[in-house]
Amino acid sequence: PGERILLGGLEQILWPDHCVQGTPGAEFAPGLRLDRVEKIFQKGTDPEIDSYSGFFDNGHRKATGLGDYLKAQGVTDVYVAGLATDYCVKFTALDAVRLGFKTYLVEDACRGVNLSPGDVQKAVEEMKTSGVHVVRSEDF
């Protein structure tokens, strides 16, 4: 992991295959209350460009629809958690701020990749500088 290539006019990082549609890695976690899920948004559906953010692909060429949906529902605050702090979580949080949402990183509900030592901490600092509020699960 970590090799960088130019694809579709964008520098992209090569990762091991993960979360491939139709495989167990793309399934929801056992025990997740899917009866409470109102809508599911897909990301990473274009084989030519990666999609770290839950809102856009990496080139901001295509939106997932999440931002428009949340705004239509009157959502003002977004809480971000998951994998990986220094990639998908970071880009989702940064896009949420850019879209005008009050954005929170639930730091202890995330895990990073840390391709280079310190990447996770740098990502958290970048999010803070961009207006993301850092909280912990015990704050709820």
Protein backbone atom coordinates (compact mmCIF):
# COMPACT_ATOMS: atom_id res chain seq x y z
CA PRO A 1 0.00 0.00 0.00
CA GLY A 2 1.03 3.55 -0.58
CA GLU A 3 2.32 3.43 -4.16
CA ARG A 4 1.21 6.54 -6.01
CA ILE A 5 0.14 6.57 -9.66
CA LEU A 6 -1.45 9.05 -12.05
CA LEU A 7 -4.88 7.85 -13.19
CA GLY A 8 -7.65 9.89 -14.74
CA GLY A 9 -5.56 13.04 -14.39
CA LEU A 10 -5.25 12.67 -10.60
CA GLU A 11 -2.54 11.28 -8.38
CA GLN A 12 -3.99 8.27 -6.62
CA ILE A 13 -2.73 5.87 -3.98
CA LEU A 14 -2.89 2.14 -4.63
CA TRP A 15 -4.52 0.20 -1.80
CA PRO A 16 -5.17 -3.51 -1.33
CA ASP A 17 -8.66 -4.43 -2.54
CA HIS A 18 -11.17 -3.76 0.23
CA CYS A 19 -14.91 -3.20 0.58
CA VAL A 20 -15.51 -4.79 -2.83
CA GLN A 21 -19.19 -4.83 -3.74
CA GLY A 22 -20.73 -8.27 -3.27
CA THR A 23 -18.06 -9.49 -0.83
CA PRO A 24 -18.20 -9.86 2.97
CA GLY A 25 -15.84 -6.87 3.29
CA ALA A 26 -18.55 -4.61 1.90
CA GLU A 27 -21.32 -5.92 4.14
CA PHE A 28 -22.67 -4.01 7.10
CA ALA A 29 -21.33 -5.07 10.48
CA PRO A 30 -23.37 -7.78 12.20
CA GLY A 31 -25.63 -6.25 14.81
CA LEU A 32 -26.02 -2.94 12.99
CA ARG A 33 -29.65 -1.86 13.28
CA LEU A 34 -30.45 -1.61 9.58
CA ASP A 35 -34.11 -1.03 10.45
CA ARG A 36 -32.95 2.43 11.58
CA VAL A 37 -31.13 3.18 8.32
CA GLU A 38 -33.16 5.49 6.13
CA LYS A 39 -30.87 5.80 3.11
CA ILE A 40 -27.57 4.34 1.92
CA PHE A 41 -25.11 6.31 -0.20
CA GLN A 42 -22.53 4.54 -2.35
CA LYS A 43 -18.98 5.78 -2.82
CA GLY A 44 -16.06 4.39 -4.78
CA THR A 45 -18.25 3.23 -7.64
CA ASP A 46 -16.01 4.59 -10.43
CA PRO A 47 -13.06 2.24 -11.13
CA GLU A 48 -11.06 5.16 -12.54
CA ILE A 49 -11.02 7.34 -9.43
CA ASP A 50 -10.90 6.67 -5.72
CA SER A 51 -13.44 8.14 -3.33
CA TYR A 52 -12.26 8.84 0.20
CA SER A 53 -15.04 11.26 1.10
CA GLY A 54 -18.60 10.23 1.77
CA PHE A 55 -19.65 13.31 -0.21
CA PHE A 56 -17.52 13.30 -3.41
CA ASP A 57 -14.98 11.32 -5.38
CA ASN A 58 -11.37 12.42 -4.94
CA GLY A 59 -11.53 14.82 -7.89
CA HIS A 60 -14.83 16.36 -6.72
CA ARG A 61 -16.17 15.40 -10.15
CA LYS A 62 -19.13 13.41 -8.86
CA ALA A 63 -21.16 13.82 -5.69
CA THR A 64 -22.61 10.87 -3.80
CA GLY A 65 -25.82 12.79 -3.06
CA LEU A 66 -25.19 12.73 0.69
CA GLY A 67 -24.71 16.49 1.04
CA ASP A 68 -27.90 17.38 -0.81
CA TYR A 69 -29.84 14.73 1.08
CA LEU A 70 -28.68 15.96 4.49
CA LYS A 71 -29.50 19.56 3.60
CA ALA A 72 -32.96 18.56 2.35
CA GLN A 73 -33.54 16.85 5.71
CA GLY A 74 -32.55 20.02 7.59
CA VAL A 75 -29.41 18.44 9.04
CA THR A 76 -26.93 21.01 10.35
CA ASP A 77 -24.47 18.88 12.34
CA VAL A 78 -22.43 15.94 11.04
CA TYR A 79 -20.50 13.49 13.22
CA VAL A 80 -17.77 11.52 11.46
CA ALA A 81 -16.29 8.24 12.67
CA GLY A 82 -14.78 5.15 11.07
CA LEU A 83 -11.85 4.10 8.93
CA ALA A 84 -9.42 5.54 8.16
CA THR A 85 -8.77 8.72 10.13
CA ASP A 86 -6.08 9.95 7.74
CA TYR A 87 -8.03 9.24 4.53
CA CYS A 88 -11.78 8.55 4.31
CA VAL A 89 -12.65 10.10 7.66
CA LYS A 90 -10.51 13.18 7.03
CA PHE A 91 -11.85 13.86 3.54
CA THR A 92 -15.45 13.28 4.63
CA ALA A 93 -15.03 15.71 7.54
CA LEU A 94 -13.32 18.35 5.38
CA ASP A 95 -16.04 18.12 2.74
CA ALA A 96 -18.74 18.36 5.41
CA VAL A 97 -17.22 21.63 6.63
CA ARG A 98 -16.91 22.96 3.06
CA LEU A 99 -20.58 22.14 2.52
CA GLY A 100 -21.51 24.23 5.55
CA PHE A 101 -22.18 21.55 8.15
CA LYS A 102 -21.04 21.95 11.74
CA THR A 103 -18.71 18.96 11.74
CA TYR A 104 -17.45 16.76 14.56
CA LEU A 105 -14.75 14.09 14.50
CA VAL A 106 -15.47 11.35 17.04
CA GLU A 107 -11.77 10.70 17.51
CA ASP A 108 -11.91 7.52 19.59
CA ALA A 109 -14.36 5.96 17.10
CA CYS A 110 -11.76 6.14 14.31
CA ARG A 111 -8.64 4.27 13.33
CA GLY A 112 -5.97 5.45 10.92
CA VAL A 113 -3.65 3.88 8.38
CA ASN A 114 -0.50 5.86 9.25
CA LEU A 115 1.36 5.07 6.00
CA SER A 116 3.98 7.42 7.38
CA PRO A 117 4.43 7.90 11.13
CA GLY A 118 2.36 10.84 12.34
CA ASP A 119 -0.14 10.81 9.45
CA VAL A 120 -3.11 10.39 11.78
CA GLN A 121 -2.09 13.27 14.02
CA LYS A 122 -1.45 15.48 10.96
CA ALA A 123 -4.91 14.59 9.65
CA VAL A 124 -6.55 15.48 12.98
CA GLU A 125 -4.68 18.80 13.06
CA GLU A 126 -5.73 19.57 9.47
CA MET A 127 -9.34 18.84 10.36
CA LYS A 128 -9.15 21.08 13.44
CA THR A 129 -7.58 23.91 11.43
CA SER A 130 -10.39 23.57 8.88
CA GLY A 131 -13.10 23.93 11.53
CA VAL A 132 -13.81 20.34 12.54
CA HIS A 133 -14.59 19.96 16.25
CA VAL A 134 -12.89 16.97 17.88
CA VAL A 135 -14.96 15.05 20.43
CA ARG A 136 -14.82 11.65 22.11
CA SER A 137 -17.61 9.11 22.46
CA GLU A 138 -17.81 9.70 26.22
CA ASP A 139 -18.87 13.29 25.43
CA PHE A 140 -22.30 12.04 24.35
